[in-house]
Amino acid sequence: MEPPQRPAPPTRAKPARMNPLRVVAIGGGTGLSTLLKGLKAYVPAPMEPYRPAPGRPTISELSAVVTVSDDGGSSGRLRTELNMLPPGDIRNCIVALSEDEALLSKLFRHRFDKGSGLEGHSFGNLFLAALTSITKDFSEAVRLSSEILLTRGHIYPATASNIQLEALMEDGTRVRGETKITASKGRIKELFLIPPEVRPLPQTLEAIAGADVITIGPGSLFTSLIPNLLVRGIAQAIVNSPAIKVYICNLMTQANESLGLTAAEHIHALNNHAQAQLFDYALINRRPASDDMKAKYALEGAAQIVADLEAVEKLGCCPVLGDYLEEGGVARHATDAVARDMLNLAVQAAESPRKPVMEPDPAHR
């Protein structure tokens, strides 16, 4: 299937480099931290000299841009009580990029099950709260945490401002707050930030401008992905960047957030909120879920996302198919396969820009 003629790409300020690559991953929730685990394998360890492996992409700089709209659980309590940004998604990204992921994962995700004021909080959230109290700056607390834990990348909150989400539903009602939006049963028509004119960190814009690859997803469409694009300047910075832009499609719909939306409808919603055509490529799973997994998700009103490839192409986005579904207790992205295919795609696209790629090279499978 040949994609239709695509619009001419924007003039690139510099050609994408073959190797090593500068990667910016944008998102939130479990999806972003899962992707970062896969990408970390391509980043040289701290203090180690760069030794390129023939035929293997390498990441010279990895940056994560993380949404900060969570208002539930431990993050929500700290946000209310300490007037700080919610640390939960940031904490997960720090763990994903840390050197000793297994130990730190247990420590940072340890949740106190008793104790006045402690019950329900995770250690990682309290760690970030303590550093924020010392530095008086959440972004600096994140930077210092990354240094302390030897992360293989930079982590930036999408904005340093205290924001809330507000959703306009298709029935005309409005729902404010991430927790209430996630719990709502109607279809979301449009998302807004309150207040609307918040700005990103300068480092975020610098990372996007200098990137060779920018990814958005996987993650909850309206509470993990779109909020980043509503921060003033981020969407335009993505459009202006000479990077290759890749959407990593979710595996399953969410009954309370992406009711029955197809792959193309996810991309369309992202483009609409960014007020621009964002993506060159979309990584889309082609592996069917098992009958047991389908039945489990059906109980929640969710289903596997339909890969409507022709509709994706009509949005000016070239679909790339891969076996990205892993099944455990829930459906998760096969992070190693996603990272490998995305980076190989970036190298191939740098050599032959705009060349359609329907499936990764079987030699890499």
Protein backbone atom coordinates (compact mmCIF):
# COMPACT_ATOMS: atom_id res chain seq x y z
CA MET A 1 0.00 0.00 0.00
CA GLU A 2 1.60 3.23 -1.13
CA PRO A 3 0.92 6.31 0.98
CA PRO A 4 -0.38 9.35 -0.93
CA GLN A 5 1.97 12.18 -1.82
CA ARG A 6 2.86 13.92 1.40
CA PRO A 7 3.13 17.67 1.85
CA ALA A 8 6.62 19.08 1.44
CA PRO A 9 8.44 18.99 4.77
CA PRO A 10 9.44 22.23 6.46
CA THR A 11 12.87 23.55 5.57
CA ARG A 12 15.34 21.87 7.87
CA ALA A 13 17.87 24.10 9.58
CA LYS A 14 20.30 21.18 9.60
CA PRO A 15 20.17 17.60 8.31
CA ALA A 16 19.29 14.88 10.77
CA ARG A 17 22.42 13.05 11.80
CA MET A 18 22.76 9.32 11.32
CA ASN A 19 24.41 8.59 14.65
CA PRO A 20 24.50 9.37 17.54
CA LEU A 21 21.01 10.78 17.96
CA ARG A 22 19.51 13.40 20.25
CA VAL A 23 16.07 12.18 21.34
CA VAL A 24 13.24 14.04 23.08
CA ALA A 25 10.42 11.86 24.45
CA ILE A 26 7.20 13.67 25.40
CA GLY A 27 4.38 12.21 27.47
CA GLY A 28 3.51 11.10 30.97
CA GLY A 29 2.17 8.25 33.03
CA THR A 30 3.30 4.66 32.65
CA GLY A 31 3.70 4.98 28.88
CA LEU A 32 6.58 7.45 28.98
CA SER A 33 8.53 5.65 31.69
CA THR A 34 8.11 2.37 29.79
CA LEU A 35 9.53 3.93 26.62
CA LEU A 36 12.44 5.47 28.54
CA LYS A 37 13.45 2.05 29.84
CA GLY A 38 13.90 0.90 26.26
CA LEU A 39 15.71 4.04 25.10
CA LYS A 40 18.10 3.98 28.07
CA ALA A 41 19.82 0.91 26.61
CA TYR A 42 21.09 3.10 23.73
CA VAL A 43 22.60 5.79 25.99
CA PRO A 44 26.24 5.26 27.06
CA ALA A 45 26.65 4.90 30.82
CA PRO A 46 27.81 8.01 32.70
CA MET A 47 31.59 8.56 32.58
CA GLU A 48 32.00 5.93 29.86
CA PRO A 49 33.56 7.02 26.54
CA TYR A 50 31.38 6.86 23.46
CA ARG A 51 32.14 3.69 21.47
CA PRO A 52 29.77 3.35 18.52
CA ALA A 53 28.76 -0.20 17.66
CA PRO A 54 28.57 -0.87 13.92
CA GLY A 55 24.96 -0.84 12.74
CA ARG A 56 23.57 0.05 16.16
CA PRO A 57 22.06 3.50 16.78
CA THR A 58 23.29 5.41 19.81
CA ILE A 59 21.63 8.21 21.76
CA SER A 60 24.00 11.01 22.71
CA GLU A 61 21.36 12.99 24.59
CA LEU A 62 17.99 11.77 25.90
CA SER A 63 15.44 14.23 27.28
CA ALA A 64 11.99 13.50 28.70
CA VAL A 65 9.26 16.16 28.81
CA VAL A 66 6.69 15.12 31.41
CA THR A 67 3.14 16.34 32.03
CA VAL A 68 2.46 17.77 35.50
CA SER A 69 -1.34 17.81 35.79
CA ASP A 70 -1.88 14.86 38.16
CA ASP A 71 -4.17 15.75 41.09
CA GLY A 72 -4.87 12.34 42.62
CA GLY A 73 -3.26 9.99 45.11
CA SER A 74 0.05 10.80 46.77
CA SER A 75 0.94 13.36 44.09
CA GLY A 76 -2.35 15.17 44.56
CA ARG A 77 -1.97 15.30 48.33
CA LEU A 78 1.56 16.71 48.12
CA ARG A 79 0.41 19.18 45.51
CA THR A 80 -2.35 20.46 47.81
CA GLU A 81 -0.49 20.35 51.12
CA LEU A 82 2.93 21.64 49.96
CA ASN A 83 1.89 23.74 46.96
CA MET A 84 4.32 21.87 44.70
CA LEU A 85 4.02 20.24 41.28
CA PRO A 86 2.84 16.61 41.30
CA PRO A 87 5.93 14.36 41.46
CA GLY A 88 4.49 10.96 40.48
CA ASP A 89 5.16 10.84 36.72
CA ILE A 90 8.53 12.55 37.20
CA ARG A 91 9.46 9.94 39.83
CA ASN A 92 8.65 7.10 37.42
CA CYS A 93 10.86 8.65 34.73
CA ILE A 94 13.76 9.06 37.17
CA VAL A 95 13.48 5.38 38.10
CA ALA A 96 13.28 4.34 34.44
CA LEU A 97 16.48 6.23 33.55
CA SER A 98 18.45 5.44 36.71
CA GLU A 99 21.52 3.21 36.72
CA ASP A 100 20.30 0.79 39.39
CA GLU A 101 16.72 0.55 38.23
CA ALA A 102 15.76 -2.61 40.12
CA LEU A 103 16.78 -1.35 43.57
CA LEU A 104 15.62 2.22 43.04
CA SER A 105 12.32 1.04 41.63
CA LYS A 106 11.60 -0.77 44.89
CA LEU A 107 12.77 2.18 46.97
CA PHE A 108 11.11 5.00 45.03
CA ARG A 109 7.86 3.12 44.54
CA HIS A 110 7.69 1.95 48.13
CA ARG A 111 4.34 3.13 49.43
CA PHE A 112 3.80 3.55 53.16
CA ASP A 113 0.78 1.56 54.32
CA LYS A 114 0.55 3.13 57.74
CA GLY A 115 1.70 6.13 59.72
CA SER A 116 -0.07 9.41 60.37
CA GLY A 117 0.51 11.61 57.33
CA LEU A 118 2.70 8.98 55.63
CA GLU A 119 0.07 6.40 54.70
CA GLY A 120 -0.44 6.29 50.94
CA HIS A 121 2.67 8.30 50.05
CA SER A 122 5.51 6.80 48.01
CA PHE A 123 9.11 7.32 49.09
CA GLY A 124 10.05 8.75 45.69
CA ASN A 125 7.38 11.43 45.94
CA LEU A 126 8.57 12.40 49.42
CA PHE A 127 12.18 12.49 48.18
CA LEU A 128 11.25 15.00 45.47
CA ALA A 129 9.14 16.96 47.94
CA ALA A 130 12.09 17.24 50.32
CA LEU A 131 14.43 18.44 47.58
CA THR A 132 11.83 20.94 46.41
CA SER A 133 11.58 22.29 49.94
CA ILE A 134 15.37 22.66 50.14
CA THR A 135 15.87 24.25 46.69
CA LYS A 136 12.55 26.15 46.51
CA ASP A 137 12.43 25.06 42.86
CA PHE A 138 10.76 21.84 41.63
CA SER A 139 12.72 21.83 38.36
CA GLU A 140 15.99 22.09 40.27
CA ALA A 141 14.86 19.30 42.58
CA VAL A 142 14.27 17.10 39.53
CA ARG A 143 17.70 17.97 38.13
CA LEU A 144 19.45 17.20 41.41
CA SER A 145 17.53 13.93 41.79
CA SER A 146 18.67 12.91 38.33
CA GLU A 147 22.28 13.68 39.23
CA ILE A 148 22.10 11.82 42.54
CA LEU A 149 20.63 8.73 40.88
CA LEU A 150 22.89 8.86 37.80
CA THR A 151 20.08 8.91 35.27
CA ARG A 152 20.94 8.45 31.61
CA GLY A 153 18.97 11.47 30.49
CA HIS A 154 17.42 14.82 31.38
CA ILE A 155 13.91 15.09 32.79
CA TYR A 156 11.91 18.30 32.40
CA PRO A 157 8.43 19.04 33.73
CA ALA A 158 6.31 20.38 30.85
CA THR A 159 5.86 23.60 32.83
CA ALA A 160 6.88 24.91 36.23
CA SER A 161 3.41 26.44 36.67
CA ASN A 162 0.66 24.93 38.80
CA ILE A 163 -1.91 23.82 36.22
CA GLN A 164 -5.26 22.06 36.12
CA LEU A 165 -6.93 20.30 33.23
CA GLU A 166 -10.43 21.16 32.07
CA ALA A 167 -12.29 19.06 29.51
CA LEU A 168 -15.18 20.17 27.31
CA MET A 169 -17.35 17.10 26.80
CA GLU A 170 -19.39 16.36 23.68
CA ASP A 171 -22.61 16.98 25.62
CA GLY A 172 -21.44 20.53 26.38
CA THR A 173 -20.57 19.98 30.04
CA ARG A 174 -17.14 20.82 31.46
CA VAL A 175 -15.11 18.67 33.83
CA ARG A 176 -12.15 20.13 35.76
CA GLY A 177 -9.30 18.14 37.28
CA GLU A 178 -7.39 15.15 35.90
CA THR A 179 -8.92 12.68 38.36
CA LYS A 180 -12.48 13.74 37.49
CA ILE A 181 -11.72 13.74 33.76
CA THR A 182 -10.31 10.22 33.99
CA ALA A 183 -13.40 9.07 35.90
CA SER A 184 -15.88 10.68 33.51
CA LYS A 185 -17.90 8.47 31.17
CA GLY A 186 -18.57 10.88 28.31
CA ARG A 187 -16.47 11.57 25.24
CA ILE A 188 -14.00 14.44 25.49
CA LYS A 189 -14.28 17.05 22.75
CA GLU A 190 -11.50 19.45 23.73
CA LEU A 191 -8.98 19.91 26.52
CA PHE A 192 -7.77 23.14 28.14
CA LEU A 193 -5.14 24.18 30.66
CA ILE A 194 -6.11 26.35 33.62
CA PRO A 195 -4.49 28.88 33.54
CA PRO A 196 -4.03 28.81 29.75
CA GLU A 197 -0.90 30.92 29.24
CA VAL A 198 1.71 28.80 31.05
CA ARG A 199 5.18 28.45 29.58
CA PRO A 200 7.73 25.64 29.38
CA LEU A 201 11.23 25.63 30.79
CA PRO A 202 13.82 27.17 28.43
CA GLN A 203 15.74 23.87 28.59
CA THR A 204 12.72 22.07 27.14
CA LEU A 205 12.56 24.36 24.12
CA GLU A 206 16.33 24.04 23.64
CA ALA A 207 16.13 20.24 23.71
CA ILE A 208 13.28 20.20 21.17
CA ALA A 209 15.09 22.65 18.86
CA GLY A 210 18.26 20.55 18.90
CA ALA A 211 16.62 17.11 18.63
CA ASP A 212 17.08 14.60 15.84
CA VAL A 213 14.03 12.60 16.94
CA ILE A 214 10.95 13.71 18.89
CA THR A 215 8.47 11.12 20.15
CA ILE A 216 5.01 11.59 21.62
CA GLY A 217 3.37 8.62 23.33
CA PRO A 218 2.47 6.08 24.37
CA GLY A 219 0.16 7.32 27.09
CA SER A 220 -3.33 8.44 27.98
CA LEU A 221 -4.39 10.74 25.15
CA PHE A 222 -6.09 13.50 27.12
CA THR A 223 -4.26 13.35 30.47
CA SER A 224 -0.68 12.37 29.52
CA LEU A 225 -0.07 13.52 25.94
CA ILE A 226 -2.24 16.49 24.97
CA PRO A 227 -1.49 18.55 28.14
CA ASN A 228 2.14 18.88 27.02
CA LEU A 229 1.04 20.35 23.68
CA LEU A 230 -1.11 22.99 25.40
CA VAL A 231 1.86 24.53 27.22
CA ARG A 232 2.55 27.72 25.30
CA GLY A 233 5.43 27.27 22.85
CA ILE A 234 5.88 23.50 22.96
CA ALA A 235 3.72 22.59 19.93
CA GLN A 236 5.29 25.34 17.82
CA ALA A 237 8.77 24.27 18.91
CA ILE A 238 8.00 20.72 17.75
CA VAL A 239 6.77 21.99 14.38
CA ASN A 240 9.84 24.22 13.95
CA SER A 241 12.33 21.55 14.98
CA PRO A 242 14.22 19.79 12.15
CA ALA A 243 13.74 16.51 14.03
CA ILE A 244 11.87 13.48 12.75
CA LYS A 245 8.58 13.37 14.68
CA VAL A 246 7.18 9.98 15.68
CA TYR A 247 3.88 9.13 17.36
CA ILE A 248 3.95 5.88 19.34
CA CYS A 249 0.39 4.63 19.28
CA ASN A 250 -1.33 3.17 22.31
CA LEU A 251 -2.21 -0.52 22.33
CA MET A 252 -5.69 -0.31 23.84
CA THR A 253 -8.43 2.29 24.10
CA GLN A 254 -9.44 3.73 27.46
CA ALA A 255 -13.14 3.57 28.16
CA ASN A 256 -13.09 6.80 30.15
CA GLU A 257 -10.72 8.76 27.91
CA SER A 258 -10.41 7.51 24.33
CA LEU A 259 -13.76 5.81 23.78
CA GLY A 260 -13.30 3.67 20.69
CA LEU A 261 -10.83 6.06 19.02
CA THR A 262 -8.75 4.58 16.19
CA ALA A 263 -5.05 5.18 15.62
CA ALA A 264 -5.81 7.98 13.14
CA GLU A 265 -8.30 9.58 15.54
CA HIS A 266 -5.60 9.70 18.23
CA ILE A 267 -3.28 11.51 15.81
CA HIS A 268 -6.09 13.81 14.69
CA ALA A 269 -6.81 14.81 18.31
CA LEU A 270 -3.14 15.57 18.93
CA ASN A 271 -2.89 17.64 15.74
CA ASN A 272 -6.08 19.53 16.59
CA HIS A 273 -4.87 20.55 20.03
CA ALA A 274 -1.45 21.49 18.65
CA GLN A 275 -3.15 23.34 15.75
CA ALA A 276 -0.55 21.80 13.44
CA GLN A 277 0.41 18.61 11.63
CA LEU A 278 2.91 17.09 14.01
CA PHE A 279 4.04 13.68 12.87
CA ASP A 280 6.14 12.17 10.12
CA TYR A 281 5.69 8.58 11.29
CA ALA A 282 3.49 6.54 13.63
CA LEU A 283 4.62 3.28 15.25
CA ILE A 284 1.52 1.07 15.41
CA ASN A 285 1.16 -2.40 16.91
CA ARG A 286 0.11 -5.20 14.57
CA ARG A 287 0.08 -8.11 17.05
CA PRO A 288 -3.46 -9.18 18.03
CA ALA A 289 -4.24 -9.41 21.71
CA SER A 290 -5.13 -12.83 23.08
CA ASP A 291 -8.77 -13.70 23.62
CA ASP A 292 -8.22 -13.59 27.40
CA MET A 293 -6.69 -10.11 27.20
CA LYS A 294 -9.50 -8.87 24.95
CA ALA A 295 -12.09 -10.22 27.38
CA LYS A 296 -10.34 -8.60 30.34
CA TYR A 297 -10.29 -5.17 28.69
CA ALA A 298 -13.86 -5.58 27.41
CA LEU A 299 -15.01 -5.71 31.03
CA GLU A 300 -13.67 -2.14 31.36
CA GLY A 301 -15.27 -1.05 28.08
CA ALA A 302 -11.86 -0.98 26.36
CA ALA A 303 -10.57 -2.71 23.24
CA GLN A 304 -7.51 -2.99 21.03
CA ILE A 305 -6.95 0.16 18.99
CA VAL A 306 -7.93 -0.17 15.32
CA ALA A 307 -4.96 0.42 13.00
CA ASP A 308 -6.74 2.37 10.24
CA LEU A 309 -3.64 2.82 8.09
CA GLU A 310 -5.21 4.67 5.15
CA ALA A 311 -6.70 7.25 7.50
CA VAL A 312 -3.29 7.65 9.18
CA GLU A 313 -1.69 8.28 5.79
CA LYS A 314 -4.31 10.88 4.90
CA LEU A 315 -3.11 12.84 7.93
CA GLY A 316 0.32 13.06 6.30
CA CYS A 317 1.78 10.46 8.67
CA CYS A 318 3.51 7.29 7.52
CA PRO A 319 2.54 4.19 9.56
CA VAL A 320 5.23 1.75 10.71
CA LEU A 321 3.94 -1.63 11.85
CA GLY A 322 5.60 -3.79 14.50
CA ASP A 323 4.94 -6.44 17.12
CA TYR A 324 4.76 -4.10 20.09
CA LEU A 325 2.27 -5.86 22.38
CA GLU A 326 3.44 -7.72 25.48
CA GLU A 327 0.90 -9.39 27.73
CA GLY A 328 1.19 -9.81 31.47
CA GLY A 329 -1.41 -8.70 33.94
CA VAL A 330 -2.12 -5.87 31.49
CA ALA A 331 -1.20 -5.01 27.91
CA ARG A 332 2.16 -3.23 27.79
CA HIS A 333 4.44 -2.04 25.01
CA ALA A 334 7.42 -4.27 24.24
CA THR A 335 9.76 -1.45 25.11
CA ASP A 336 12.89 -2.99 23.58
CA ALA A 337 11.17 -3.50 20.22
CA VAL A 338 9.65 -0.01 20.22
CA ALA A 339 12.98 1.67 21.04
CA ARG A 340 14.89 -0.40 18.49
CA ASP A 341 12.45 0.18 15.65
CA MET A 342 12.07 3.87 16.40
CA LEU A 343 15.82 4.50 16.38
CA ASN A 344 16.41 2.38 13.27
CA LEU A 345 13.60 4.31 11.60
CA ALA A 346 15.28 7.58 12.53
CA VAL A 347 18.57 6.49 11.00
CA GLN A 348 16.82 5.25 7.85
CA ALA A 349 14.75 8.42 7.53
CA ALA A 350 17.89 10.55 7.92
CA GLU A 351 19.43 8.70 4.97
CA SER A 352 16.26 8.80 2.83
CA PRO A 353 13.91 11.53 4.11
CA ARG A 354 10.21 11.05 3.38
CA LYS A 355 10.70 7.45 2.26
CA PRO A 356 7.59 5.46 3.27
CA VAL A 357 8.29 2.69 5.75
CA MET A 358 5.42 0.29 6.31
CA GLU A 359 7.31 -2.25 8.40
CA PRO A 360 10.73 -2.35 10.06
CA ASP A 361 13.53 -4.21 8.30
CA PRO A 362 13.07 -7.93 9.13
CA ALA A 363 16.82 -8.10 9.75
CA HIS A 364 16.25 -6.11 12.93
CA ARG A 365 13.60 -8.45 14.25
